[in-house]
PDB file of N, CA and C in Angstrom:
ATOM      1  N   UNK A   1       2.837  11.203   6.580  1.00  0.00           N
ATOM      2  CA  UNK A   1       2.798   9.831   6.162  1.00  0.00           C
ATOM      3  C   UNK A   1       3.872   9.088   6.795  1.00  0.00           C
ATOM      4  N   UNK A   2       4.935   9.863   7.630  1.00  0.00           N
ATOM      5  CA  UNK A   2       5.803   9.103   8.418  1.00  0.00           C
ATOM      6  C   UNK A   2       5.133   8.613   9.476  1.00  0.00           C
ATOM      7  N   UNK A   3       4.072   9.172  10.164  1.00  0.00           N
ATOM      8  CA  UNK A   3       3.473   8.410  11.336  1.00  0.00           C
ATOM      9  C   UNK A   3       2.709   7.204  10.958  1.00  0.00           C
ATOM     10  N   UNK A   4       2.283   7.129   9.695  1.00  0.00           N
ATOM     11  CA  UNK A   4       1.675   5.832   9.495  1.00  0.00           C
ATOM     12  C   UNK A   4       2.621   4.841   9.033  1.00  0.00           C
ATOM     13  N   UNK A   5       3.792   5.063   8.521  1.00  0.00           N
ATOM     14  CA  UNK A   5       5.193   4.436   8.528  1.00  0.00           C
ATOM     15  C   UNK A   5       5.584   3.704   9.872  1.00  0.00           C
ATOM     16  N   UNK A   6       5.595   4.670  10.878  1.00  0.00           N
ATOM     17  CA  UNK A   6       5.930   4.269  12.060  1.00  0.00           C
ATOM     18  C   UNK A   6       4.923   3.590  12.807  1.00  0.00           C
ATOM     19  N   UNK A   7       3.548   3.758  12.552  1.00  0.00           N
ATOM     20  CA  UNK A   7       2.472   2.971  13.035  1.00  0.00           C
ATOM     21  C   UNK A   7       2.745   1.521  12.266  1.00  0.00           C
ATOM     22  N   UNK A   8       2.999   1.362  11.147  1.00  0.00           N
ATOM     23  CA  UNK A   8       3.096   0.054  10.517  1.00  0.00           C
ATOM     24  C   UNK A   8       3.984  -0.798  11.093  1.00  0.00           C
ATOM     25  N   UNK A   9       5.285  -0.200  11.362  1.00  0.00           N
ATOM     26  CA  UNK A   9       6.407  -1.125  11.857  1.00  0.00           C
ATOM     27  C   UNK A   9       6.026  -1.336  13.415  1.00  0.00           C
ATOM     28  N   UNK A  10       5.171  -0.427  14.043  1.00  0.00           N
ATOM     29  CA  UNK A  10       4.739  -0.797  15.415  1.00  0.00           C
ATOM     30  C   UNK A  10       3.804  -1.910  15.637  1.00  0.00           C
ATOM     31  N   UNK A  11       3.176  -1.861  14.598  1.00  0.00           N
ATOM     32  CA  UNK A  11       1.833  -2.973  14.483  1.00  0.00           C
ATOM     33  C   UNK A  11       2.686  -4.298  14.080  1.00  0.00           C
ATOM     34  N   UNK A  12       3.675  -4.380  13.417  1.00  0.00           N
ATOM     35  CA  UNK A  12       4.554  -5.713  13.118  1.00  0.00           C
ATOM     36  C   UNK A  12       5.181  -5.900  14.145  1.00  0.00           C
ATOM     37  N   UNK A  13       6.011  -5.210  15.037  1.00  0.00           N
ATOM     38  CA  UNK A  13       6.566  -5.554  16.341  1.00  0.00           C
ATOM     39  C   UNK A  13       5.603  -6.054  17.207  1.00  0.00           C
ATOM     40  N   UNK A  14       4.362  -5.415  17.311  1.00  0.00           N
ATOM     41  CA  UNK A  14       3.639  -5.769  18.330  1.00  0.00           C
ATOM     42  C   UNK A  14       2.978  -7.200  17.961  1.00  0.00           C
ATOM     43  N   UNK A  15       2.541  -7.416  16.846  1.00  0.00           N
ATOM     44  CA  UNK A  15       2.263  -8.747  16.550  1.00  0.00           C
ATOM     45  C   UNK A  15       3.005  -9.912  16.765  1.00  0.00           C
ATOM     46  N   UNK A  16       4.445  -9.445  16.605  1.00  0.00           N
ATOM     47  CA  UNK A  16       5.470 -10.518  16.885  1.00  0.00           C
ATOM     48  C   UNK A  16       5.719 -10.504  18.546  1.00  0.00           C
ATOM     49  N   UNK A  17       4.952  -9.520  19.232  1.00  0.00           N
ATOM     50  CA  UNK A  17       5.253  -9.749  20.573  1.00  0.00           C
ATOM     51  C   UNK A  17       6.639  -9.177  20.935  1.00  0.00           C
ATOM     52  N   UNK A  18       7.158  -8.581  20.193  1.00  0.00           N
ATOM     53  CA  UNK A  18       8.389  -7.850  20.456  1.00  0.00           C
ATOM     54  C   UNK A  18       8.292  -6.376  21.333  1.00  0.00           C
ATOM     55  N   UNK A  19       7.265  -5.769  21.045  1.00  0.00           N
ATOM     56  CA  UNK A  19       6.949  -4.655  21.735  1.00  0.00           C
ATOM     57  C   UNK A  19       7.071  -3.590  20.871  1.00  0.00           C
ATOM     58  N   UNK A  20       6.030  -2.951  20.218  1.00  0.00           N
ATOM     59  CA  UNK A  20       6.083  -1.938  19.487  1.00  0.00           C
ATOM     60  C   UNK A  20       6.359  -0.568  19.936  1.00  0.00           C
ATOM     61  N   UNK A  21       6.335  -0.441  21.318  1.00  0.00           N
ATOM     62  CA  UNK A  21       6.602   0.733  22.050  1.00  0.00           C
ATOM     63  C   UNK A  21       8.181   0.846  21.911  1.00  0.00           C
ATOM     64  N   UNK A  22       9.025  -0.152  21.604  1.00  0.00           N
ATOM     65  CA  UNK A  22      10.358   0.054  21.405  1.00  0.00           C
ATOM     66  C   UNK A  22      10.710   0.751  20.127  1.00  0.00           C
ATOM     67  N   UNK A  23       9.871   0.760  19.366  1.00  0.00           N
ATOM     68  CA  UNK A  23      10.014   1.708  18.040  1.00  0.00           C
ATOM     69  C   UNK A  23       9.243   2.766  18.413  1.00  0.00           C
ATOM     70  N   UNK A  24       8.141   2.790  18.835  1.00  0.00           N
ATOM     71  CA  UNK A  24       7.167   3.928  18.590  1.00  0.00           C
ATOM     72  C   UNK A  24       7.585   4.928  19.636  1.00  0.00           C
ATOM     73  N   UNK A  25       7.926   4.794  20.906  1.00  0.00           N
ATOM     74  CA  UNK A  25       8.261   5.889  22.011  1.00  0.00           C
ATOM     75  C   UNK A  25       9.785   6.610  21.338  1.00  0.00           C
ATOM     76  N   UNK A  26      10.653   6.046  20.839  1.00  0.00           N
ATOM     77  CA  UNK A  26      11.584   6.837  20.424  1.00  0.00           C
ATOM     78  C   UNK A  26      11.466   7.556  19.070  1.00  0.00           C
ATOM     79  N   UNK A  27      10.595   6.812  18.086  1.00  0.00           N
ATOM     80  CA  UNK A  27      10.289   7.592  16.947  1.00  0.00           C
ATOM     81  C   UNK A  27       9.431   8.830  16.977  1.00  0.00           C
ATOM     82  N   UNK A  28       8.647   8.868  18.011  1.00  0.00           N
ATOM     83  CA  UNK A  28       7.674   9.968  18.265  1.00  0.00           C
ATOM     84  C   UNK A  28       8.605  11.008  18.871  1.00  0.00           C
ATOM     85  N   UNK A  29       9.337  10.468  20.059  1.00  0.00           N
ATOM     86  CA  UNK A  29      10.357  11.767  20.537  1.00  0.00           C
ATOM     87  C   UNK A  29      11.365  12.246  19.264  1.00  0.00           C
ATOM     88  N   UNK A  30      11.873  11.548  18.754  1.00  0.00           N
ATOM     89  CA  UNK A  30      12.902  11.693  17.433  1.00  0.00           C
ATOM     90  C   UNK A  30      12.481  12.504  16.225  1.00  0.00           C
ATOM     91  N   UNK A  31      11.461  11.772  15.586  1.00  0.00           N
ATOM     92  CA  UNK A  31      10.861  12.285  14.394  1.00  0.00           C
ATOM     93  C   UNK A  31       9.517  13.270  14.634  1.00  0.00           C
ATOM     94  N   UNK A  32       8.942  12.974  15.661  1.00  0.00           N
ATOM     95  CA  UNK A  32       7.819  13.829  15.625  1.00  0.00           C
ATOM     96  C   UNK A  32       7.850  14.882  16.851  1.00  0.00           C
ATOM     97  N   UNK A  33       8.964  15.054  17.161  1.00  0.00           N
ATOM     98  CA  UNK A  33       8.999  16.136  18.411  1.00  0.00           C
ATOM     99  C   UNK A  33       8.375  16.118  19.669  1.00  0.00           C
ATOM    100  N   UNK A  34       7.659  14.999  19.892  1.00  0.00           N
ATOM    101  CA  UNK A  34       6.936  14.980  21.194  1.00  0.00           C
ATOM    102  C   UNK A  34       7.942  14.675  22.426  1.00  0.00           C
ATOM    103  N   UNK A  35       7.412  15.093  23.717  1.00  0.00           N
ATOM    104  CA  UNK A  35       8.012  14.768  24.728  1.00  0.00           C
ATOM    105  C   UNK A  35       7.914  13.241  25.044  1.00  0.00           C
ATOM    106  N   UNK A  36       8.817  12.813  26.091  1.00  0.00           N
ATOM    107  CA  UNK A  36       8.714  11.355  26.503  1.00  0.00           C
ATOM    108  C   UNK A  36       7.375  11.237  27.112  1.00  0.00           C
ATOM    109  N   UNK A  37       6.896  12.015  28.198  1.00  0.00           N
ATOM    110  CA  UNK A  37       5.555  11.672  28.600  1.00  0.00           C
ATOM    111  C   UNK A  37       4.468  11.625  27.519  1.00  0.00           C
ATOM    112  N   UNK A  38       4.245  12.200  26.492  1.00  0.00           N
ATOM    113  CA  UNK A  38       3.197  12.429  25.451  1.00  0.00           C
ATOM    114  C   UNK A  38       3.583  11.080  24.671  1.00  0.00           C
ATOM    115  N   UNK A  39       4.747  10.790  24.230  1.00  0.00           N
ATOM    116  CA  UNK A  39       5.238   9.795  23.483  1.00  0.00           C
ATOM    117  C   UNK A  39       4.752   8.297  24.081  1.00  0.00           C
ATOM    118  N   UNK A  40       4.928   8.194  25.344  1.00  0.00           N
ATOM    119  CA  UNK A  40       4.462   7.036  26.240  1.00  0.00           C
ATOM    120  C   UNK A  40       3.022   6.875  26.335  1.00  0.00           C
ATOM    121  N   UNK A  41       2.197   7.908  26.597  1.00  0.00           N
ATOM    122  CA  UNK A  41       0.816   7.882  26.589  1.00  0.00           C
ATOM    123  C   UNK A  41       0.219   7.759  25.253  1.00  0.00           C
ATOM    124  N   UNK A  42       0.832   8.378  23.909  1.00  0.00           N
ATOM    125  CA  UNK A  42       0.287   7.898  22.620  1.00  0.00           C
ATOM    126  C   UNK A  42       0.710   6.434  22.520  1.00  0.00           C
ATOM    127  N   UNK A  43       1.818   5.869  22.759  1.00  0.00           N
ATOM    128  CA  UNK A  43       2.117   4.595  22.588  1.00  0.00           C
ATOM    129  C   UNK A  43       0.949   3.528  23.185  1.00  0.00           C
ATOM    130  N   UNK A  44       0.687   3.855  24.352  1.00  0.00           N
ATOM    131  CA  UNK A  44      -0.074   3.053  25.236  1.00  0.00           C
ATOM    132  C   UNK A  44      -1.499   3.131  24.626  1.00  0.00           C
ATOM    133  N   UNK A  45      -2.126   4.604  24.325  1.00  0.00           N
ATOM    134  CA  UNK A  45      -3.241   4.436  23.502  1.00  0.00           C
ATOM    135  C   UNK A  45      -3.575   3.619  22.489  1.00  0.00           C
ATOM    136  N   UNK A  46      -2.567   3.691  21.573  1.00  0.00           N
ATOM    137  CA  UNK A  46      -2.533   2.941  20.253  1.00  0.00           C
ATOM    138  C   UNK A  46      -2.389   1.510  20.371  1.00  0.00           C
ATOM    139  N   UNK A  47      -1.984   1.092  21.503  1.00  0.00           N
ATOM    140  CA  UNK A  47      -1.844  -0.342  21.518  1.00  0.00           C
ATOM    141  C   UNK A  47      -3.156  -0.864  21.878  1.00  0.00           C
ATOM    142  N   UNK A  48      -4.087  -0.227  22.412  1.00  0.00           N
ATOM    143  CA  UNK A  48      -5.290  -0.989  22.576  1.00  0.00           C
ATOM    144  C   UNK A  48      -5.963  -1.818  21.431  1.00  0.00           C
ATOM    145  N   UNK A  49      -6.258  -1.174  20.441  1.00  0.00           N
ATOM    146  CA  UNK A  49      -6.662  -1.682  19.313  1.00  0.00           C
ATOM    147  C   UNK A  49      -5.708  -2.715  18.755  1.00  0.00           C
ATOM    148  N   UNK A  50      -4.350  -2.314  18.564  1.00  0.00           N
ATOM    149  CA  UNK A  50      -3.208  -3.057  18.131  1.00  0.00           C
ATOM    150  C   UNK A  50      -3.173  -4.334  18.849  1.00  0.00           C
ATOM    151  N   UNK A  51      -3.206  -4.403  20.071  1.00  0.00           N
ATOM    152  CA  UNK A  51      -2.962  -5.556  21.034  1.00  0.00           C
ATOM    153  C   UNK A  51      -4.490  -6.489  20.862  1.00  0.00           C
ATOM    154  N   UNK A  52      -5.659  -5.697  20.640  1.00  0.00           N
ATOM    155  CA  UNK A  52      -6.732  -6.761  20.398  1.00  0.00           C
ATOM    156  C   UNK A  52      -6.679  -7.471  19.199  1.00  0.00           C
ATOM    157  N   UNK A  53      -6.248  -6.901  17.857  1.00  0.00           N
ATOM    158  CA  UNK A  53      -6.175  -7.491  16.823  1.00  0.00           C
ATOM    159  C   UNK A  53      -4.790  -8.616  16.760  1.00  0.00           C
ATOM    160  N   UNK A  54      -3.946  -8.305  17.784  1.00  0.00           N
ATOM    161  CA  UNK A  54      -2.923  -9.292  17.760  1.00  0.00           C
ATOM    162  C   UNK A  54      -3.346 -10.491  18.838  1.00  0.00           C
ATOM    163  N   UNK A  55      -4.205 -10.246  19.925  1.00  0.00           N
ATOM    164  CA  UNK A  55      -4.613 -11.126  20.745  1.00  0.00           C
ATOM    165  C   UNK A  55      -5.471 -12.169  20.068  1.00  0.00           C
ATOM    166  N   UNK A  56      -6.507 -11.630  19.177  1.00  0.00           N
ATOM    167  CA  UNK A  56      -7.459 -12.554  18.434  1.00  0.00           C
ATOM    168  C   UNK A  56      -6.734 -13.478  17.663  1.00  0.00           C
ATOM    169  N   UNK A  57      -5.612 -12.867  17.012  1.00  0.00           N
ATOM    170  CA  UNK A  57      -4.827 -13.618  16.028  1.00  0.00           C
ATOM    171  C   UNK A  57      -4.024 -14.878  16.738  1.00  0.00           C
ATOM    172  N   UNK A  58      -3.391 -14.288  17.563  1.00  0.00           N
ATOM    173  CA  UNK A  58      -2.671 -15.657  18.488  1.00  0.00           C
ATOM    174  C   UNK A  58      -3.772 -16.583  19.196  1.00  0.00           C
ATOM    175  N   UNK A  59      -4.789 -15.853  19.625  1.00  0.00           N
ATOM    176  CA  UNK A  59      -6.036 -16.817  20.144  1.00  0.00           C
ATOM    177  C   UNK A  59      -6.136 -18.000  19.062  1.00  0.00           C
ATOM    178  N   UNK A  60      -6.650 -17.577  17.744  1.00  0.00           N
ATOM    179  CA  UNK A  60      -7.080 -18.422  16.514  1.00  0.00           C
ATOM    180  C   UNK A  60      -6.092 -19.375  16.496  1.00  0.00           C
ATOM    181  N   UNK A  61      -4.720 -19.127  16.894  1.00  0.00           N
ATOM    182  CA  UNK A  61      -3.663 -20.065  16.522  1.00  0.00           C
ATOM    183  C   UNK A  61      -3.438 -20.966  17.809  1.00  0.00           C
ATOM    184  N   UNK A  62      -4.267 -20.823  18.612  1.00  0.00           N
ATOM    185  CA  UNK A  62      -3.961 -21.650  19.897  1.00  0.00           C
ATOM    186  C   UNK A  62      -2.989 -21.067  21.022  1.00  0.00           C
ATOM    187  N   UNK A  63      -2.443 -19.774  20.672  1.00  0.00           N
ATOM    188  CA  UNK A  63      -1.407 -19.404  21.579  1.00  0.00           C
ATOM    189  C   UNK A  63      -1.373 -18.739  22.608  1.00  0.00           C
ATOM    190  N   UNK A  64      -2.687 -18.718  23.171  1.00  0.00           N
ATOM    191  CA  UNK A  64      -3.254 -17.977  24.413  1.00  0.00           C
ATOM    192  C   UNK A  64      -3.793 -18.856  25.418  1.00  0.00           C
ATOM    193  N   UNK A  65      -2.824 -18.627  26.346  1.00  0.00           N
ATOM    194  CA  UNK A  65      -3.622 -19.480  27.561  1.00  0.00           C
ATOM    195  C   UNK A  65      -4.496 -18.685  28.262  1.00  0.00           C
ATOM    196  N   UNK A  66      -5.618 -18.809  28.389  1.00  0.00           N
ATOM    197  CA  UNK A  66      -6.419 -17.681  28.959  1.00  0.00           C
ATOM    198  C   UNK A  66      -6.238 -17.633  30.460  1.00  0.00           C
ATOM    199  N   UNK A  67      -6.345 -18.639  31.177  1.00  0.00           N
ATOM    200  CA  UNK A  67      -6.063 -18.650  32.572  1.00  0.00           C
ATOM    201  C   UNK A  67      -4.708 -17.798  32.948  1.00  0.00           C
ATOM    202  N   UNK A  68      -3.776 -18.176  32.455  1.00  0.00           N
ATOM    203  CA  UNK A  68      -2.528 -17.571  32.622  1.00  0.00           C
ATOM    204  C   UNK A  68      -2.574 -16.131  32.344  1.00  0.00           C
ATOM    205  N   UNK A  69      -3.197 -15.679  31.191  1.00  0.00           N
ATOM    206  CA  UNK A  69      -3.251 -14.370  30.681  1.00  0.00           C
ATOM    207  C   UNK A  69      -4.223 -13.610  31.694  1.00  0.00           C
ATOM    208  N   UNK A  70      -5.334 -14.103  32.417  1.00  0.00           N
ATOM    209  CA  UNK A  70      -6.239 -13.483  33.167  1.00  0.00           C
ATOM    210  C   UNK A  70      -5.232 -13.119  34.580  1.00  0.00           C
ATOM    211  N   UNK A  71      -4.543 -14.075  35.146  1.00  0.00           N
ATOM    212  CA  UNK A  71      -3.779 -14.085  36.124  1.00  0.00           C
ATOM    213  C   UNK A  71      -2.734 -12.973  36.162  1.00  0.00           C
ATOM    214  N   UNK A  72      -1.934 -12.985  34.786  1.00  0.00           N
ATOM    215  CA  UNK A  72      -1.056 -11.908  34.491  1.00  0.00           C
ATOM    216  C   UNK A  72      -1.789 -10.362  34.767  1.00  0.00           C
ATOM    217  N   UNK A  73      -2.811 -10.381  33.961  1.00  0.00           N
ATOM    218  CA  UNK A  73      -3.633  -9.146  33.917  1.00  0.00           C
ATOM    219  C   UNK A  73      -3.924  -8.459  35.147  1.00  0.00           C
ATOM    220  N   UNK A  74      -4.347  -9.218  35.918  1.00  0.00           N
ATOM    221  CA  UNK A  74      -4.347  -8.618  37.548  1.00  0.00           C
ATOM    222  C   UNK A  74      -3.352  -7.930  38.029  1.00  0.00           C
ATOM    223  N   UNK A  75      -2.241  -8.542  37.916  1.00  0.00           N
ATOM    224  CA  UNK A  75      -1.088  -7.863  38.636  1.00  0.00           C
ATOM    225  C   UNK A  75      -0.647  -6.858  37.582  1.00  0.00           C
ATOM    226  N   UNK A  76      -1.028  -6.913  36.010  1.00  0.00           N
ATOM    227  CA  UNK A  76      -0.359  -5.809  35.124  1.00  0.00           C
ATOM    228  C   UNK A  76      -1.243  -4.557  35.540  1.00  0.00           C
ATOM    229  N   UNK A  77      -2.579  -4.841  35.596  1.00  0.00           N
ATOM    230  CA  UNK A  77      -3.549  -3.646  35.818  1.00  0.00           C
ATOM    231  C   UNK A  77      -2.753  -2.806  37.100  1.00  0.00           C
ATOM    232  N   UNK A  78      -2.891  -3.223  38.222  1.00  0.00           N
ATOM    233  CA  UNK A  78      -2.078  -2.872  39.448  1.00  0.00           C
ATOM    234  C   UNK A  78      -0.993  -2.109  38.997  1.00  0.00           C
ATOM    235  N   UNK A  79      -0.078  -2.797  38.275  1.00  0.00           N
ATOM    236  CA  UNK A  79       1.440  -2.319  37.951  1.00  0.00           C
ATOM    237  C   UNK A  79       1.344  -1.140  37.144  1.00  0.00           C
ATOM    238  N   UNK A  80       0.111  -1.044  36.057  1.00  0.00           N
ATOM    239  CA  UNK A  80       0.127  -0.024  35.241  1.00  0.00           C
ATOM    240  C   UNK A  80      -0.419   1.212  36.045  1.00  0.00           C
ATOM    241  N   UNK A  81      -1.312   1.043  36.828  1.00  0.00           N
ATOM    242  CA  UNK A  81      -1.552   2.429  37.551  1.00  0.00           C
ATOM    243  C   UNK A  81      -0.285   3.088  38.398  1.00  0.00           C
ATOM    244  N   UNK A  82       0.243   2.122  39.031  1.00  0.00           N
ATOM    245  CA  UNK A  82       1.678   2.525  39.882  1.00  0.00           C
ATOM    246  C   UNK A  82       2.601   3.059  38.881  1.00  0.00           C
ATOM    247  N   UNK A  83       2.947   2.505  37.789  1.00  0.00           N
ATOM    248  CA  UNK A  83       3.766   2.713  36.667  1.00  0.00           C
ATOM    249  C   UNK A  83       3.280   4.294  36.088  1.00  0.00           C
ATOM    250  N   UNK A  84       2.175   4.339  35.689  1.00  0.00           N
ATOM    251  CA  UNK A  84       1.931   5.511  34.933  1.00  0.00           C
ATOM    252  C   UNK A  84       1.861   6.826  35.814  1.00  0.00           C
ATOM    253  N   UNK A  85       1.559   6.592  37.228  1.00  0.00           N
ATOM    254  CA  UNK A  85       1.680   7.536  38.172  1.00  0.00           C
ATOM    255  C   UNK A  85       3.169   7.940  38.446  1.00  0.00           C
ATOM    256  N   UNK A  86       3.955   7.007  38.676  1.00  0.00           N
ATOM    257  CA  UNK A  86       5.282   7.376  38.621  1.00  0.00           C
ATOM    258  C   UNK A  86       5.883   8.215  37.731  1.00  0.00           C
ATOM    259  N   UNK A  87       5.629   7.538  36.433  1.00  0.00           N
ATOM    260  CA  UNK A  87       5.981   8.249  35.113  1.00  0.00           C
ATOM    261  C   UNK A  87       5.612   9.691  35.098  1.00  0.00           C
ATOM    262  N   UNK A  88       4.602  10.066  35.473  1.00  0.00           N
ATOM    263  CA  UNK A  88       4.298  11.318  35.364  1.00  0.00           C
ATOM    264  C   UNK A  88       4.849  12.185  36.401  1.00  0.00           C
ATOM    265  N   UNK A  89       5.483  11.433  37.635  1.00  0.00           N
ATOM    266  CA  UNK A  89       6.231  12.407  38.647  1.00  0.00           C
ATOM    267  C   UNK A  89       7.511  12.633  38.080  1.00  0.00           C
ATOM    268  N   UNK A  90       8.144  12.037  37.183  1.00  0.00           N
ATOM    269  CA  UNK A  90       9.361  12.013  36.649  1.00  0.00           C
ATOM    270  C   UNK A  90       9.862  12.875  35.586  1.00  0.00           C
ATOM    271  N   UNK A  91      10.997  13.604  35.788  1.00  0.00           N
ATOM    272  CA  UNK A  91      11.217  14.627  34.717  1.00  0.00           C
ATOM    273  C   UNK A  91      11.355  13.712  33.435  1.00  0.00           C
ATOM    274  N   UNK A  92      10.887  14.466  32.402  1.00  0.00           N
ATOM    275  CA  UNK A  92      10.891  13.706  30.844  1.00  0.00           C
ATOM    276  C   UNK A  92      12.397  13.388  30.545  1.00  0.00           C
ATOM    277  N   UNK A  93      13.525  14.086  30.779  1.00  0.00           N
ATOM    278  CA  UNK A  93      14.739  13.771  30.412  1.00  0.00           C
ATOM    279  C   UNK A  93      15.108  12.413  31.161  1.00  0.00           C
ATOM    280  N   UNK A  94      14.742  12.472  32.374  1.00  0.00           N
ATOM    281  CA  UNK A  94      14.996  11.165  33.331  1.00  0.00           C
ATOM    282  C   UNK A  94      14.430   9.933  32.976  1.00  0.00           C
ATOM    283  N   UNK A  95      13.183  10.063  32.712  1.00  0.00           N
ATOM    284  CA  UNK A  95      12.467   9.236  32.069  1.00  0.00           C
ATOM    285  C   UNK A  95      12.773   8.560  30.752  1.00  0.00           C
ATOM    286  N   UNK A  96      13.167   9.453  30.006  1.00  0.00           N
ATOM    287  CA  UNK A  96      13.909   9.144  28.622  1.00  0.00           C
ATOM    288  C   UNK A  96      15.286   8.308  28.745  1.00  0.00           C
ATOM    289  N   UNK A  97      16.042   8.671  29.937  1.00  0.00           N
ATOM    290  CA  UNK A  97      17.109   7.788  30.054  1.00  0.00           C
ATOM    291  C   UNK A  97      16.806   6.613  30.728  1.00  0.00           C
ATOM    292  N   UNK A  98      15.753   6.507  31.446  1.00  0.00           N
ATOM    293  CA  UNK A  98      15.383   5.144  32.258  1.00  0.00           C
ATOM    294  C   UNK A  98      15.041   4.137  31.075  1.00  0.00           C
ATOM    295  N   UNK A  99      14.048   4.732  30.194  1.00  0.00           N
ATOM    296  CA  UNK A  99      13.400   3.845  29.103  1.00  0.00           C
ATOM    297  C   UNK A  99      14.617   3.456  28.300  1.00  0.00           C
ATOM    298  N   UNK A 100      15.476   4.263  27.944  1.00  0.00           N
ATOM    299  CA  UNK A 100      16.683   3.921  27.175  1.00  0.00           C
ATOM    300  C   UNK A 100      17.480   2.883  27.696  1.00  0.00           C
ATOM    301  N   UNK A 101      17.843   2.920  29.102  1.00  0.00           N
ATOM    302  CA  UNK A 101      18.538   2.067  29.797  1.00  0.00           C
ATOM    303  C   UNK A 101      17.626   0.554  29.847  1.00  0.00           C
ATOM    304  N   UNK A 102      16.590   0.490  29.946  1.00  0.00           N
ATOM    305  CA  UNK A 102      15.827  -0.484  29.970  1.00  0.00           C
ATOM    306  C   UNK A 102      15.886  -1.416  28.666  1.00  0.00           C
ATOM    307  N   UNK A 103      15.852  -0.705  27.540  1.00  0.00           N
ATOM    308  CA  UNK A 103      16.002  -1.079  26.231  1.00  0.00           C
ATOM    309  C   UNK A 103      17.167  -1.922  25.895  1.00  0.00           C
ATOM    310  N   UNK A 104      18.398  -0.988  26.574  1.00  0.00           N
ATOM    311  CA  UNK A 104      19.785  -1.509  26.515  1.00  0.00           C
ATOM    312  C   UNK A 104      19.676  -2.728  27.392  1.00  0.00           C
ATOM    313  N   UNK A 105      19.343  -2.892  28.504  1.00  0.00           N
ATOM    314  CA  UNK A 105      19.299  -3.985  29.246  1.00  0.00           C
ATOM    315  C   UNK A 105      18.697  -5.133  28.735  1.00  0.00           C
ATOM    316  N   UNK A 106      17.567  -4.921  28.180  1.00  0.00           N
ATOM    317  CA  UNK A 106      16.627  -5.903  27.840  1.00  0.00           C
ATOM    318  C   UNK A 106      17.332  -6.625  26.218  1.00  0.00           C
ATOM    319  N   UNK A 107      18.048  -5.815  25.838  1.00  0.00           N
ATOM    320  CA  UNK A 107      18.720  -6.073  24.431  1.00  0.00           C
ATOM    321  C   UNK A 107      20.004  -6.805  24.895  1.00  0.00           C
ATOM    322  N   UNK A 108      20.558  -6.628  25.781  1.00  0.00           N
ATOM    323  CA  UNK A 108      21.792  -7.354  26.132  1.00  0.00           C
ATOM    324  C   UNK A 108      21.257  -8.720  26.687  1.00  0.00           C
ATOM    325  N   UNK A 109      20.275  -8.790  27.249  1.00  0.00           N
ATOM    326  CA  UNK A 109      19.645 -10.149  28.198  1.00  0.00           C
ATOM    327  C   UNK A 109      19.258 -11.134  26.777  1.00  0.00           C
ATOM    328  N   UNK A 110      18.558 -10.378  25.940  1.00  0.00           N
ATOM    329  CA  UNK A 110      18.200 -11.116  24.725  1.00  0.00           C
ATOM    330  C   UNK A 110      19.080 -11.754  24.189  1.00  0.00           C
ATOM    331  N   UNK A 111      20.272 -10.960  23.738  1.00  0.00           N
ATOM    332  CA  UNK A 111      21.368 -11.265  22.999  1.00  0.00           C
ATOM    333  C   UNK A 111      22.386 -12.403  23.719  1.00  0.00           C
ATOM    334  N   UNK A 112      22.553 -12.223  24.966  1.00  0.00           N
ATOM    335  CA  UNK A 112      23.636 -13.004  25.676  1.00  0.00           C
ATOM    336  C   UNK A 112      22.945 -13.848  26.690  1.00  0.00           C
ATOM    337  N   UNK A 113      21.918 -13.530  27.343  1.00  0.00           N
ATOM    338  CA  UNK A 113      21.343 -14.388  28.594  1.00  0.00           C
ATOM    339  C   UNK A 113      20.137 -15.332  28.254  1.00  0.00           C
ATOM    340  N   UNK A 114      19.615 -15.234  27.160  1.00  0.00           N
ATOM    341  CA  UNK A 114      18.339 -15.847  26.647  1.00  0.00           C
ATOM    342  C   UNK A 114      18.407 -17.507  26.753  1.00  0.00           C
ATOM    343  N   UNK A 115      17.819 -18.064  27.780  1.00  0.00           N
ATOM    344  CA  UNK A 115      18.110 -19.636  27.794  1.00  0.00           C
ATOM    345  C   UNK A 115      17.687 -20.340  26.660  1.00  0.00           C
ATOM    346  N   UNK A 116      18.235 -21.517  26.338  1.00  0.00           N
ATOM    347  CA  UNK A 116      17.772 -22.226  25.153  1.00  0.00           C
ATOM    348  C   UNK A 116      16.423 -22.965  25.182  1.00  0.00           C
ATOM    349  N   UNK A 117      15.588 -22.756  24.111  1.00  0.00           N
ATOM    350  CA  UNK A 117      14.359 -23.367  24.129  1.00  0.00           C
ATOM    351  C   UNK A 117      14.300 -24.693  23.908  1.00  0.00           C
ATOM    352  N   UNK A 118      13.557 -25.658  24.655  1.00  0.00           N
ATOM    353  CA  UNK A 118      13.474 -26.981  24.261  1.00  0.00           C
ATOM    354  C   UNK A 118      11.998 -27.430  23.627  1.00  0.00           C
TER     355      UNK A 118
END
């Protein structure tokens, strides 16, 4: 039951474009006992159907600029290959610390450094 609850919150965060992985990866490590590499792999695999539903919903609302998304995707695909290859070469404990540092850094940026929207 816990995994379904974690999935529910992951889906909500993904739909908000906050990033369900910020919840899912730590939850899988802490509550399900998976190692960091498996948690990140499961997170990525579960995002495929989640992202499709979220994209369709945002597209219907007129929130997707297709040309911009396609250009971004080209770089992201190359980056995904590089990033996943690097992640598999890094020790799980170090990977966990890198992930944690990234979350803290992004949190600080969002809290203090986010520019005003016009």
